[in-house]
């Protein structure tokens, strides 16, 4: 089943992203925050979920998202390791190869 209401935006557009925006404001105003600090916020309820990235940079949104995905994967590996598991990944072929 494809994701519902999938979107990428630079402005809050619903209750969850408005909450995330306020969390970012607190993060940015924290006296211990350094310029190179970044954050990924996950938020969900019983019906929806969302993710907001902040501080990840690139020449375009895809590059910033790619940087955030890499950071997320490193953190997920650490979470798995903390409970004695190993997280690995591999390529998944999403379309048939061109045989011509």
C-alpha atoms as a PDB file:
ATOM      1  CA  UNK A   1       0.000   0.000   0.000  1.00  0.00           C
ATOM      2  CA  UNK A   2       1.505   3.386  -0.972  1.00  0.00           C
ATOM      3  CA  UNK A   3       2.006   6.047   1.740  1.00  0.00           C
ATOM      4  CA  UNK A   4      -0.937   8.367   2.292  1.00  0.00           C
ATOM      5  CA  UNK A   5      -0.622  12.120   1.919  1.00  0.00           C
ATOM      6  CA  UNK A   6       3.115  11.984   1.283  1.00  0.00           C
ATOM      7  CA  UNK A   7       4.574  15.454   0.997  1.00  0.00           C
ATOM      8  CA  UNK A   8       7.707  17.484   1.483  1.00  0.00           C
ATOM      9  CA  UNK A   9       7.325  21.089   2.548  1.00  0.00           C
ATOM     10  CA  UNK A  10       9.422  23.827   4.118  1.00  0.00           C
ATOM     11  CA  UNK A  11       6.559  25.223   6.224  1.00  0.00           C
ATOM     12  CA  UNK A  12       4.373  23.566   8.871  1.00  0.00           C
ATOM     13  CA  UNK A  13       1.131  22.346   7.297  1.00  0.00           C
ATOM     14  CA  UNK A  14      -0.695  20.412  10.027  1.00  0.00           C
ATOM     15  CA  UNK A  15      -0.875  19.928  13.790  1.00  0.00           C
ATOM     16  CA  UNK A  16       2.124  17.604  13.922  1.00  0.00           C
ATOM     17  CA  UNK A  17       4.412  19.768  11.828  1.00  0.00           C
ATOM     18  CA  UNK A  18       3.425  22.824  13.885  1.00  0.00           C
ATOM     19  CA  UNK A  19       4.509  20.936  17.030  1.00  0.00           C
ATOM     20  CA  UNK A  20       7.781  20.054  15.294  1.00  0.00           C
ATOM     21  CA  UNK A  21       8.274  23.696  14.356  1.00  0.00           C
ATOM     22  CA  UNK A  22       7.992  24.713  18.019  1.00  0.00           C
ATOM     23  CA  UNK A  23      10.499  21.999  18.974  1.00  0.00           C
ATOM     24  CA  UNK A  24      12.907  23.388  16.369  1.00  0.00           C
ATOM     25  CA  UNK A  25      12.503  26.873  17.865  1.00  0.00           C
ATOM     26  CA  UNK A  26      13.486  25.485  21.274  1.00  0.00           C
ATOM     27  CA  UNK A  27      16.424  23.614  19.755  1.00  0.00           C
ATOM     28  CA  UNK A  28      17.672  26.744  17.976  1.00  0.00           C
ATOM     29  CA  UNK A  29      17.426  28.882  21.115  1.00  0.00           C
ATOM     30  CA  UNK A  30      19.172  26.387  23.423  1.00  0.00           C
ATOM     31  CA  UNK A  31      22.357  27.903  24.838  1.00  0.00           C
ATOM     32  CA  UNK A  32      24.294  24.652  24.290  1.00  0.00           C
ATOM     33  CA  UNK A  33      23.365  24.275  20.612  1.00  0.00           C
ATOM     34  CA  UNK A  34      26.286  24.503  18.226  1.00  0.00           C
ATOM     35  CA  UNK A  35      26.077  25.663  14.603  1.00  0.00           C
ATOM     36  CA  UNK A  36      26.793  22.140  13.322  1.00  0.00           C
ATOM     37  CA  UNK A  37      24.047  20.481  15.405  1.00  0.00           C
ATOM     38  CA  UNK A  38      21.211  18.857  13.452  1.00  0.00           C
ATOM     39  CA  UNK A  39      17.980  17.166  14.402  1.00  0.00           C
ATOM     40  CA  UNK A  40      15.436  14.684  13.128  1.00  0.00           C
ATOM     41  CA  UNK A  41      12.006  14.729  14.773  1.00  0.00           C
ATOM     42  CA  UNK A  42       9.566  11.825  14.548  1.00  0.00           C
ATOM     43  CA  UNK A  43       6.024  12.407  15.690  1.00  0.00           C
ATOM     44  CA  UNK A  44       2.969  10.170  15.530  1.00  0.00           C
ATOM     45  CA  UNK A  45      -0.451   9.512  16.954  1.00  0.00           C
ATOM     46  CA  UNK A  46      -2.827   6.586  16.454  1.00  0.00           C
ATOM     47  CA  UNK A  47      -3.629   7.683  12.887  1.00  0.00           C
ATOM     48  CA  UNK A  48      -0.738   9.582  11.332  1.00  0.00           C
ATOM     49  CA  UNK A  49       2.965  10.087  11.620  1.00  0.00           C
ATOM     50  CA  UNK A  50       5.533  12.478  10.326  1.00  0.00           C
ATOM     51  CA  UNK A  51       9.199  13.313  10.282  1.00  0.00           C
ATOM     52  CA  UNK A  52      10.938  16.684  10.149  1.00  0.00           C
ATOM     53  CA  UNK A  53      14.633  17.230   9.478  1.00  0.00           C
ATOM     54  CA  UNK A  54      16.455  20.384  10.542  1.00  0.00           C
ATOM     55  CA  UNK A  55      20.015  21.537   9.983  1.00  0.00           C
ATOM     56  CA  UNK A  56      20.896  19.036   7.265  1.00  0.00           C
ATOM     57  CA  UNK A  57      22.315  20.800   4.235  1.00  0.00           C
ATOM     58  CA  UNK A  58      22.836  20.228   0.566  1.00  0.00           C
ATOM     59  CA  UNK A  59      22.568  22.015  -2.732  1.00  0.00           C
ATOM     60  CA  UNK A  60      18.946  20.880  -2.945  1.00  0.00           C
ATOM     61  CA  UNK A  61      16.315  19.206  -0.712  1.00  0.00           C
ATOM     62  CA  UNK A  62      17.237  15.727  -2.008  1.00  0.00           C
ATOM     63  CA  UNK A  63      20.835  16.139  -0.812  1.00  0.00           C
ATOM     64  CA  UNK A  64      19.711  17.345   2.624  1.00  0.00           C
ATOM     65  CA  UNK A  65      17.282  14.430   2.862  1.00  0.00           C
ATOM     66  CA  UNK A  66      20.031  12.015   1.812  1.00  0.00           C
ATOM     67  CA  UNK A  67      22.325  13.350   4.537  1.00  0.00           C
ATOM     68  CA  UNK A  68      19.532  12.949   7.102  1.00  0.00           C
ATOM     69  CA  UNK A  69      18.813   9.377   5.946  1.00  0.00           C
ATOM     70  CA  UNK A  70      22.489   8.506   6.401  1.00  0.00           C
ATOM     71  CA  UNK A  71      22.509   9.960   9.914  1.00  0.00           C
ATOM     72  CA  UNK A  72      19.271   8.153  10.722  1.00  0.00           C
ATOM     73  CA  UNK A  73      20.698   4.829   9.578  1.00  0.00           C
ATOM     74  CA  UNK A  74      23.781   5.254  11.790  1.00  0.00           C
ATOM     75  CA  UNK A  75      21.517   5.974  14.783  1.00  0.00           C
ATOM     76  CA  UNK A  76      19.294   3.001  13.967  1.00  0.00           C
ATOM     77  CA  UNK A  77      22.366   0.737  13.862  1.00  0.00           C
ATOM     78  CA  UNK A  78      23.305   1.985  17.338  1.00  0.00           C
ATOM     79  CA  UNK A  79      19.763   1.388  18.630  1.00  0.00           C
ATOM     80  CA  UNK A  80      19.821  -2.180  17.335  1.00  0.00           C
ATOM     81  CA  UNK A  81      23.283  -2.772  18.809  1.00  0.00           C
ATOM     82  CA  UNK A  82      22.080  -1.495  22.196  1.00  0.00           C
ATOM     83  CA  UNK A  83      19.625  -4.405  22.343  1.00  0.00           C
ATOM     84  CA  UNK A  84      22.040  -6.989  20.966  1.00  0.00           C
ATOM     85  CA  UNK A  85      20.809  -6.932  17.376  1.00  0.00           C
ATOM     86  CA  UNK A  86      22.455  -6.039  14.093  1.00  0.00           C
ATOM     87  CA  UNK A  87      20.871  -3.831  11.454  1.00  0.00           C
ATOM     88  CA  UNK A  88      22.115  -4.377   7.935  1.00  0.00           C
ATOM     89  CA  UNK A  89      20.964  -3.102   4.588  1.00  0.00           C
ATOM     90  CA  UNK A  90      21.278  -4.015   0.972  1.00  0.00           C
ATOM     91  CA  UNK A  91      20.023  -2.764  -2.346  1.00  0.00           C
ATOM     92  CA  UNK A  92      16.486  -3.574  -3.377  1.00  0.00           C
ATOM     93  CA  UNK A  93      15.788  -3.670  -7.068  1.00  0.00           C
ATOM     94  CA  UNK A  94      12.792  -1.429  -7.640  1.00  0.00           C
ATOM     95  CA  UNK A  95      12.315  -2.037 -11.345  1.00  0.00           C
ATOM     96  CA  UNK A  96      13.188  -4.690 -13.881  1.00  0.00           C
ATOM     97  CA  UNK A  97      16.538  -4.190 -15.609  1.00  0.00           C
ATOM     98  CA  UNK A  98      16.537  -2.989 -19.195  1.00  0.00           C
ATOM     99  CA  UNK A  99      17.330  -6.132 -21.192  1.00  0.00           C
ATOM    100  CA  UNK A 100      17.552  -4.396 -24.587  1.00  0.00           C
END
